[in-house]
C-alpha atoms as a PDB file:
ATOM      1  CA  MET A   1       0.000   0.000   0.000  1.00  0.00           C
ATOM      2  CA  GLU A   2       1.148   3.542  -0.771  1.00  0.00           C
ATOM      3  CA  ILE A   3       0.709   6.305   1.794  1.00  0.00           C
ATOM      4  CA  HIS A   4       1.124   9.920   0.725  1.00  0.00           C
ATOM      5  CA  ARG A   5       1.182  12.608   3.409  1.00  0.00           C
ATOM      6  CA  PHE A   6       0.299  16.254   2.788  1.00  0.00           C
ATOM      7  CA  ASN A   7       1.119  18.825   5.455  1.00  0.00           C
ATOM      8  CA  VAL A   8      -1.544  21.440   4.831  1.00  0.00           C
ATOM      9  CA  GLY A   9      -3.559  24.357   6.097  1.00  0.00           C
ATOM     10  CA  PRO A  10      -2.939  27.000   8.753  1.00  0.00           C
ATOM     11  CA  PHE A  11      -2.577  24.325  11.462  1.00  0.00           C
ATOM     12  CA  ALA A  12       0.040  22.246   9.591  1.00  0.00           C
ATOM     13  CA  GLU A  13      -2.348  19.287   9.587  1.00  0.00           C
ATOM     14  CA  ASN A  14      -1.433  15.956   8.028  1.00  0.00           C
ATOM     15  CA  SER A  15      -3.830  14.711   5.347  1.00  0.00           C
ATOM     16  CA  TYR A  16      -3.262  11.225   3.949  1.00  0.00           C
ATOM     17  CA  LEU A  17      -3.907   9.616   0.581  1.00  0.00           C
ATOM     18  CA  LEU A  18      -3.916   5.809   0.790  1.00  0.00           C
ATOM     19  CA  ILE A  19      -3.587   3.790  -2.419  1.00  0.00           C
ATOM     20  CA  GLU A  20      -4.087   0.051  -2.720  1.00  0.00           C
ATOM     21  CA  GLY A  21      -4.164  -1.275  -6.262  1.00  0.00           C
ATOM     22  CA  ASP A  22      -6.387   1.041  -8.278  1.00  0.00           C
ATOM     23  CA  GLU A  23      -8.369   2.238  -5.241  1.00  0.00           C
ATOM     24  CA  GLY A  24      -7.672   5.378  -3.238  1.00  0.00           C
ATOM     25  CA  LEU A  25      -9.082   7.028  -0.156  1.00  0.00           C
ATOM     26  CA  LEU A  26      -8.400  10.261   1.691  1.00  0.00           C
ATOM     27  CA  VAL A  27      -8.052  10.589   5.446  1.00  0.00           C
ATOM     28  CA  ASP A  28      -8.653  13.991   7.069  1.00  0.00           C
ATOM     29  CA  PRO A  29      -8.584  16.366   4.067  1.00  0.00           C
ATOM     30  CA  GLY A  30      -7.382  19.625   5.608  1.00  0.00           C
ATOM     31  CA  PHE A  31      -6.485  21.394   2.348  1.00  0.00           C
ATOM     32  CA  ALA A  32      -6.814  25.152   2.770  1.00  0.00           C
ATOM     33  CA  ASP A  33      -6.619  26.104  -0.903  1.00  0.00           C
ATOM     34  CA  GLN A  34      -6.685  24.737  -4.429  1.00  0.00           C
ATOM     35  CA  GLN A  35      -2.911  24.601  -4.685  1.00  0.00           C
ATOM     36  CA  GLU A  36      -2.717  22.169  -1.769  1.00  0.00           C
ATOM     37  CA  PHE A  37      -5.520  20.029  -3.178  1.00  0.00           C
ATOM     38  CA  ASN A  38      -3.889  19.981  -6.616  1.00  0.00           C
ATOM     39  CA  LYS A  39      -1.062  17.881  -5.182  1.00  0.00           C
ATOM     40  CA  VAL A  40      -3.553  15.132  -4.373  1.00  0.00           C
ATOM     41  CA  GLN A  41      -5.218  15.334  -7.756  1.00  0.00           C
ATOM     42  CA  SER A  42      -1.832  15.137  -9.463  1.00  0.00           C
ATOM     43  CA  ILE A  43      -1.021  11.833  -7.762  1.00  0.00           C
ATOM     44  CA  VAL A  44      -4.493  10.415  -8.360  1.00  0.00           C
ATOM     45  CA  ASP A  45      -4.352  11.309 -12.055  1.00  0.00           C
ATOM     46  CA  ARG A  46      -0.760  10.171 -12.587  1.00  0.00           C
ATOM     47  CA  LYS A  47      -1.347   6.790 -10.995  1.00  0.00           C
ATOM     48  CA  GLU A  48      -4.812   6.400 -12.576  1.00  0.00           C
ATOM     49  CA  VAL A  49      -6.386   5.734  -9.202  1.00  0.00           C
ATOM     50  CA  ASP A  50     -10.101   5.794  -8.431  1.00  0.00           C
ATOM     51  CA  LEU A  51     -10.492   8.078  -5.426  1.00  0.00           C
ATOM     52  CA  ASN A  52     -13.649   6.699  -3.855  1.00  0.00           C
ATOM     53  CA  TYR A  53     -13.803   7.498  -0.127  1.00  0.00           C
ATOM     54  CA  VAL A  54     -13.048  10.041   2.582  1.00  0.00           C
ATOM     55  CA  LEU A  55     -12.483   8.948   6.175  1.00  0.00           C
ATOM     56  CA  LEU A  56     -12.362  11.410   9.071  1.00  0.00           C
ATOM     57  CA  THR A  57     -10.610  10.566  12.324  1.00  0.00           C
ATOM     58  CA  HIS A  58     -12.713  13.365  13.842  1.00  0.00           C
ATOM     59  CA  ALA A  59     -14.541  16.513  12.758  1.00  0.00           C
ATOM     60  CA  HIS A  60     -12.326  19.311  14.038  1.00  0.00           C
ATOM     61  CA  VAL A  61     -12.085  22.084  11.466  1.00  0.00           C
ATOM     62  CA  ASP A  62      -8.421  21.537  10.596  1.00  0.00           C
ATOM     63  CA  HIS A  63      -9.089  17.911   9.637  1.00  0.00           C
ATOM     64  CA  ALA A  64     -11.976  18.680   7.294  1.00  0.00           C
ATOM     65  CA  LEU A  65     -11.146  22.165   6.053  1.00  0.00           C
ATOM     66  CA  GLY A  66     -10.717  20.885   2.496  1.00  0.00           C
ATOM     67  CA  LEU A  67     -13.689  18.541   2.448  1.00  0.00           C
ATOM     68  CA  HIS A  68     -15.923  20.820   0.366  1.00  0.00           C
ATOM     69  CA  ARG A  69     -13.129  21.135  -2.189  1.00  0.00           C
ATOM     70  CA  VAL A  70     -12.848  17.338  -2.391  1.00  0.00           C
ATOM     71  CA  LEU A  71     -16.601  16.854  -2.734  1.00  0.00           C
ATOM     72  CA  ASP A  72     -16.858  19.549  -5.398  1.00  0.00           C
ATOM     73  CA  HIS A  73     -14.506  17.451  -7.520  1.00  0.00           C
ATOM     74  CA  TYR A  74     -15.357  13.877  -6.505  1.00  0.00           C
ATOM     75  CA  ASP A  75     -18.822  12.463  -5.848  1.00  0.00           C
ATOM     76  CA  ILE A  76     -17.754  10.170  -3.009  1.00  0.00           C
ATOM     77  CA  PRO A  77     -19.021   9.243   0.472  1.00  0.00           C
ATOM     78  CA  VAL A  78     -17.609  10.594   3.716  1.00  0.00           C
ATOM     79  CA  TYR A  79     -17.235   8.364   6.780  1.00  0.00           C
ATOM     80  CA  LEU A  80     -17.185   9.656  10.366  1.00  0.00           C
ATOM     81  CA  SER A  81     -17.890   8.263  13.824  1.00  0.00           C
ATOM     82  CA  ASP A  82     -21.512   8.548  14.952  1.00  0.00           C
ATOM     83  CA  LYS A  83     -20.506   8.917  18.620  1.00  0.00           C
ATOM     84  CA  ASP A  84     -21.113  12.678  18.675  1.00  0.00           C
ATOM     85  CA  TYR A  85     -22.117  14.920  15.760  1.00  0.00           C
ATOM     86  CA  TYR A  86     -21.698  18.233  17.597  1.00  0.00           C
ATOM     87  CA  LEU A  87     -18.435  19.155  15.879  1.00  0.00           C
ATOM     88  CA  TRP A  88     -19.778  18.161  12.480  1.00  0.00           C
ATOM     89  CA  ASN A  89     -23.024  20.072  12.956  1.00  0.00           C
ATOM     90  CA  ASN A  90     -21.152  23.174  14.175  1.00  0.00           C
ATOM     91  CA  PHE A  91     -18.373  23.169  11.612  1.00  0.00           C
ATOM     92  CA  GLU A  92     -18.879  26.783  10.577  1.00  0.00           C
ATOM     93  CA  SER A  93     -18.809  27.947  14.203  1.00  0.00           C
ATOM     94  CA  GLN A  94     -15.618  26.003  14.769  1.00  0.00           C
ATOM     95  CA  ALA A  95     -13.972  27.814  11.889  1.00  0.00           C
ATOM     96  CA  GLN A  96     -15.077  31.205  13.228  1.00  0.00           C
ATOM     97  CA  MET A  97     -13.439  30.419  16.585  1.00  0.00           C
ATOM     98  CA  PHE A  98     -10.102  30.291  14.777  1.00  0.00           C
ATOM     99  CA  GLY A  99     -10.724  33.241  12.477  1.00  0.00           C
ATOM    100  CA  LEU A 100     -11.452  31.061   9.458  1.00  0.00           C
ATOM    101  CA  LYS A 101     -14.262  31.074   6.929  1.00  0.00           C
ATOM    102  CA  ALA A 102     -15.726  27.660   6.180  1.00  0.00           C
ATOM    103  CA  ARG A 103     -19.294  26.728   5.421  1.00  0.00           C
ATOM    104  CA  GLY A 104     -20.999  23.843   7.159  1.00  0.00           C
ATOM    105  CA  PHE A 105     -22.381  20.667   5.668  1.00  0.00           C
ATOM    106  CA  ASP A 106     -25.930  19.767   4.684  1.00  0.00           C
ATOM    107  CA  PHE A 107     -25.557  15.998   5.068  1.00  0.00           C
ATOM    108  CA  ILE A 108     -24.699  13.454   7.739  1.00  0.00           C
ATOM    109  CA  PRO A 109     -21.705  11.248   6.888  1.00  0.00           C
ATOM    110  CA  GLU A 110     -21.791   7.510   6.570  1.00  0.00           C
ATOM    111  CA  VAL A 111     -21.030   5.784   9.855  1.00  0.00           C
ATOM    112  CA  LEU A 112     -17.401   4.811  10.381  1.00  0.00           C
ATOM    113  CA  PRO A 113     -17.981   2.005  12.878  1.00  0.00           C
ATOM    114  CA  VAL A 114     -15.806   0.919  15.763  1.00  0.00           C
ATOM    115  CA  SER A 115     -14.798  -2.526  14.547  1.00  0.00           C
ATOM    116  CA  SER A 116     -11.787  -4.811  14.710  1.00  0.00           C
ATOM    117  CA  ALA A 117     -12.423  -5.869  11.107  1.00  0.00           C
ATOM    118  CA  TRP A 118     -13.914  -3.137   8.919  1.00  0.00           C
ATOM    119  CA  SER A 119     -13.216  -3.302   5.200  1.00  0.00           C
ATOM    120  CA  ILE A 120     -13.886  -0.843   2.440  1.00  0.00           C
ATOM    121  CA  ALA A 121     -12.755  -1.533  -1.124  1.00  0.00           C
ATOM    122  CA  ASN A 122      -9.155  -2.803  -0.902  1.00  0.00           C
ATOM    123  CA  PHE A 123      -8.566  -1.513   2.625  1.00  0.00           C
ATOM    124  CA  ASN A 124      -8.856  -3.420   5.903  1.00  0.00           C
ATOM    125  CA  PHE A 125      -9.041  -1.471   9.153  1.00  0.00           C
ATOM    126  CA  ASP A 126      -9.214  -2.086  12.862  1.00  0.00           C
ATOM    127  CA  VAL A 127     -11.176   1.039  13.830  1.00  0.00           C
ATOM    128  CA  ARG A 128     -10.482   2.030  17.448  1.00  0.00           C
ATOM    129  CA  TYR A 129     -12.460   4.558  19.492  1.00  0.00           C
ATOM    130  CA  THR A 130      -9.955   6.978  21.031  1.00  0.00           C
ATOM    131  CA  PRO A 131     -11.814   9.943  22.588  1.00  0.00           C
ATOM    132  CA  GLY A 132     -10.267  12.585  24.807  1.00  0.00           C
ATOM    133  CA  HIS A 133      -9.108  15.085  22.184  1.00  0.00           C
ATOM    134  CA  SER A 134     -12.623  15.051  20.755  1.00  0.00           C
ATOM    135  CA  PRO A 135     -15.722  12.963  21.543  1.00  0.00           C
ATOM    136  CA  ASP A 136     -15.923  11.510  18.007  1.00  0.00           C
ATOM    137  CA  HIS A 137     -12.265  10.562  17.658  1.00  0.00           C
ATOM    138  CA  LEU A 138     -11.264   7.306  15.957  1.00  0.00           C
ATOM    139  CA  SER A 139      -7.831   5.845  15.198  1.00  0.00           C
ATOM    140  CA  LEU A 140      -7.383   3.722  12.092  1.00  0.00           C
ATOM    141  CA  TYR A 141      -5.122   0.702  12.521  1.00  0.00           C
ATOM    142  CA  LEU A 142      -4.154  -1.246   9.397  1.00  0.00           C
ATOM    143  CA  PRO A 143      -2.771  -4.549  10.735  1.00  0.00           C
ATOM    144  CA  ASP A 144      -1.637  -5.772   7.313  1.00  0.00           C
ATOM    145  CA  GLU A 145       0.579  -2.679   6.986  1.00  0.00           C
ATOM    146  CA  ASN A 146       1.551  -2.367  10.663  1.00  0.00           C
ATOM    147  CA  ILE A 147       0.529   1.292  10.783  1.00  0.00           C
ATOM    148  CA  VAL A 148      -1.993   3.378  12.685  1.00  0.00           C
ATOM    149  CA  ILE A 149      -3.398   6.713  11.563  1.00  0.00           C
ATOM    150  CA  ALA A 150      -3.820   8.252  14.996  1.00  0.00           C
ATOM    151  CA  GLY A 151      -5.380  11.607  14.163  1.00  0.00           C
ATOM    152  CA  ASP A 152      -4.918  13.989  17.074  1.00  0.00           C
ATOM    153  CA  ALA A 153      -4.798  11.348  19.794  1.00  0.00           C
ATOM    154  CA  LEU A 154      -1.056  10.643  19.710  1.00  0.00           C
ATOM    155  CA  PHE A 155       1.861  12.610  18.266  1.00  0.00           C
ATOM    156  CA  LYS A 156       5.611  12.099  18.360  1.00  0.00           C
ATOM    157  CA  GLU A 157       6.368  12.771  22.034  1.00  0.00           C
ATOM    158  CA  GLY A 158       3.062  14.581  22.351  1.00  0.00           C
ATOM    159  CA  ILE A 159      -0.706  14.188  22.540  1.00  0.00           C
ATOM    160  CA  GLY A 160      -3.738  16.105  21.302  1.00  0.00           C
ATOM    161  CA  ARG A 161      -5.036  19.150  23.146  1.00  0.00           C
ATOM    162  CA  THR A 162      -7.882  18.578  25.591  1.00  0.00           C
ATOM    163  CA  ASP A 163      -9.242  22.110  26.095  1.00  0.00           C
ATOM    164  CA  LEU A 164     -11.853  22.009  23.321  1.00  0.00           C
ATOM    165  CA  TYR A 165     -15.416  20.636  23.294  1.00  0.00           C
ATOM    166  CA  LYS A 166     -15.637  17.538  25.531  1.00  0.00           C
ATOM    167  CA  GLY A 167     -11.868  17.287  25.772  1.00  0.00           C
ATOM    168  CA  SER A 168     -10.531  15.246  28.665  1.00  0.00           C
ATOM    169  CA  MET A 169      -6.916  14.576  29.599  1.00  0.00           C
ATOM    170  CA  GLU A 170      -7.912  11.576  31.716  1.00  0.00           C
ATOM    171  CA  LEU A 171      -9.967  10.077  28.889  1.00  0.00           C
ATOM    172  CA  LEU A 172      -7.277  10.737  26.284  1.00  0.00           C
ATOM    173  CA  LYS A 173      -4.617   9.027  28.395  1.00  0.00           C
ATOM    174  CA  LYS A 174      -6.951   6.053  28.843  1.00  0.00           C
ATOM    175  CA  SER A 175      -7.570   5.891  25.078  1.00  0.00           C
ATOM    176  CA  ILE A 176      -3.855   5.949  24.328  1.00  0.00           C
ATOM    177  CA  GLN A 177      -2.970   3.343  26.938  1.00  0.00           C
ATOM    178  CA  GLU A 178      -5.808   0.947  26.091  1.00  0.00           C
ATOM    179  CA  LYS A 179      -6.271   1.424  22.329  1.00  0.00           C
ATOM    180  CA  LEU A 180      -2.884   2.530  20.996  1.00  0.00           C
ATOM    181  CA  TYR A 181      -0.200   1.300  23.397  1.00  0.00           C
ATOM    182  CA  THR A 182      -1.664  -2.183  23.080  1.00  0.00           C
ATOM    183  CA  LEU A 183      -0.563  -2.267  19.434  1.00  0.00           C
ATOM    184  CA  PRO A 184       2.811  -3.873  18.552  1.00  0.00           C
ATOM    185  CA  ASP A 185       5.789  -1.707  19.508  1.00  0.00           C
ATOM    186  CA  ASP A 186       7.001  -1.537  15.899  1.00  0.00           C
ATOM    187  CA  THR A 187       3.678  -0.113  14.654  1.00  0.00           C
ATOM    188  CA  THR A 188       4.311   3.117  12.749  1.00  0.00           C
ATOM    189  CA  VAL A 189       2.153   6.013  13.932  1.00  0.00           C
ATOM    190  CA  TYR A 190       0.944   8.463  11.297  1.00  0.00           C
ATOM    191  CA  PRO A 191      -0.254  11.443  13.358  1.00  0.00           C
ATOM    192  CA  GLY A 192      -2.555  14.348  12.560  1.00  0.00           C
ATOM    193  CA  HIS A 193       0.322  16.787  13.106  1.00  0.00           C
ATOM    194  CA  GLY A 194       4.080  16.414  13.068  1.00  0.00           C
ATOM    195  CA  PRO A 195       6.378  13.542  12.053  1.00  0.00           C
ATOM    196  CA  ASN A 196       5.825   9.805  12.219  1.00  0.00           C
ATOM    197  CA  THR A 197       6.766   7.829  15.284  1.00  0.00           C
ATOM    198  CA  THR A 198       6.303   4.299  16.610  1.00  0.00           C
ATOM    199  CA  ILE A 199       4.235   2.886  19.422  1.00  0.00           C
ATOM    200  CA  GLY A 200       7.374   1.575  21.114  1.00  0.00           C
ATOM    201  CA  HIS A 201       9.058   4.978  21.039  1.00  0.00           C
ATOM    202  CA  GLU A 202       6.026   6.691  22.548  1.00  0.00           C
ATOM    203  CA  LYS A 203       5.669   4.123  25.330  1.00  0.00           C
ATOM    204  CA  GLN A 204       9.246   4.895  26.331  1.00  0.00           C
ATOM    205  CA  SER A 205       9.593   8.593  25.518  1.00  0.00           C
ATOM    206  CA  ASN A 206       6.206  10.335  25.477  1.00  0.00           C
ATOM    207  CA  PRO A 207       6.254  12.721  28.455  1.00  0.00           C
ATOM    208  CA  PHE A 208       2.454  12.757  28.752  1.00  0.00           C
ATOM    209  CA  VAL A 209       1.587   9.051  28.570  1.00  0.00           C
ATOM    210  CA  ARG A 210       4.106   6.298  29.335  1.00  0.00           C
ATOM    211  CA  GLY A 211       3.456   2.695  28.451  1.00  0.00           C
END
């Protein structure tokens, strides 16, 4: 599987394009302008990939800032946890909090279920519920690839902020310890911000949550 990372938007958010065979999906499209989105389209076109899905680890504005741009170009479904739709339903208000302009959405996404064996097209996920940074937060573990897309739960030697809607340091630590630190130590972590890391490194070196 190919994984392409795009560091985008005013929050330096990591968006991911996953390619398996001729199928592609986007995770957390945070593209702030057309130039950033063009980089995705260039890869999709060059590799002749069918971009068919969008998955959101959570609905904070920086992780879905480019979603309208994606949907204007591709008629594809969006998947999000159904644990709490407050962030999704108040997307425009979220943007205003940070001085951004972004219109809300007039649809409810498809349910991205918590499941140890959820498949879509050529992709197989272990979808883990990891709240604490946000109430709808999911982490996407791909056991066949030994990677986890951790969103804003776990960063390299850091963790997601807990001062926003329904944030909880206690809950986030619990999510990391029970849902992420239980993965193999050599699992590569693809975070929502910053560089990659591994589960083993974070268990030993993360100053917020030790394994």
